[in-house]
Amino acid sequence: MNITEEQITEIGMTWGVTALIVYMLFIIWNLAKTSKAGRFGTFVLFFVLAFGMLGFIAKSIIQWFFGM
């Protein structure tokens, strides 16, 4: 079974970055919980801090949609 460097990179980018995004969402949730941000404050934290992740997710969806 031969695995190419391209396959390793694709697996790492897909699963590694997904795991990192999930961990970052947990950190944002924990920050909101420990700071007692309330409902609106939690929304603002998730919106602002998770906004950067949206670009990576959108890129993955666009690549999947167009079959790139």
Protein backbone atom coordinates (compact mmCIF):
# COMPACT_ATOMS: atom_id res chain seq x y z
CA MET A 1 0.00 0.00 0.00
CA ASN A 2 1.68 3.17 -1.22
CA ILE A 3 0.50 6.49 0.13
CA THR A 4 1.69 9.54 -1.75
CA GLU A 5 2.69 12.84 -0.23
CA GLU A 6 -0.38 14.44 -1.82
CA GLN A 7 -2.69 11.98 -0.05
CA ILE A 8 -1.00 12.60 3.31
CA THR A 9 -1.35 16.35 2.83
CA GLU A 10 -5.02 16.04 1.88
CA ILE A 11 -5.78 13.87 4.91
CA GLY A 12 -3.91 16.26 7.19
CA MET A 13 -5.62 19.32 5.82
CA THR A 14 -9.06 17.73 5.96
CA TRP A 15 -8.99 15.98 9.33
CA GLY A 16 -6.28 18.00 11.06
CA VAL A 17 -7.77 21.39 10.36
CA THR A 18 -11.27 20.08 11.11
CA ALA A 19 -10.08 18.88 14.51
CA LEU A 20 -8.40 22.24 15.10
CA ILE A 21 -11.62 24.09 14.22
CA VAL A 22 -13.64 21.93 16.61
CA TYR A 23 -11.07 22.56 19.36
CA MET A 24 -11.17 26.32 18.70
CA LEU A 25 -14.97 26.27 18.92
CA PHE A 26 -14.65 24.52 22.30
CA ILE A 27 -12.21 27.22 23.45
CA ILE A 28 -14.65 29.96 22.39
CA TRP A 29 -17.51 28.21 24.22
CA ASN A 30 -15.37 27.79 27.34
CA LEU A 31 -14.36 31.46 27.18
CA ALA A 32 -18.01 32.52 26.97
CA LYS A 33 -18.94 30.21 29.85
CA THR A 34 -16.16 31.29 32.21
CA SER A 35 -16.63 34.99 31.49
CA LYS A 36 -20.41 34.69 32.01
CA ALA A 37 -20.96 36.47 28.70
CA GLY A 38 -24.68 35.79 28.50
CA ARG A 39 -26.60 34.88 25.39
CA PHE A 40 -25.76 37.97 23.35
CA GLY A 41 -22.13 38.00 24.46
CA THR A 42 -21.76 34.34 23.53
CA PHE A 43 -23.24 35.08 20.11
CA VAL A 44 -20.81 37.96 19.59
CA LEU A 45 -17.84 35.80 20.66
CA PHE A 46 -18.80 33.00 18.30
CA PHE A 47 -19.56 35.38 15.44
CA VAL A 48 -16.36 37.40 15.72
CA LEU A 49 -13.88 34.69 16.71
CA ALA A 50 -15.29 31.97 14.46
CA PHE A 51 -15.69 34.23 11.43
CA GLY A 52 -12.19 33.35 10.18
CA MET A 53 -13.07 29.66 10.17
CA LEU A 54 -15.96 30.37 7.83
CA GLY A 55 -13.55 31.14 4.98
CA PHE A 56 -11.82 27.77 5.29
CA ILE A 57 -15.14 25.93 5.46
CA ALA A 58 -16.51 27.87 2.46
CA LYS A 59 -13.37 27.08 0.47
CA SER A 60 -13.77 23.37 1.19
CA ILE A 61 -17.45 23.41 0.20
CA ILE A 62 -16.74 25.32 -3.03
CA GLN A 63 -13.96 22.90 -3.97
CA TRP A 64 -16.25 19.94 -3.28
CA PHE A 65 -19.11 21.51 -5.24
CA PHE A 66 -17.01 22.17 -8.33
CA GLY A 67 -15.08 18.92 -8.01
CA MET A 68 -11.67 20.52 -7.77
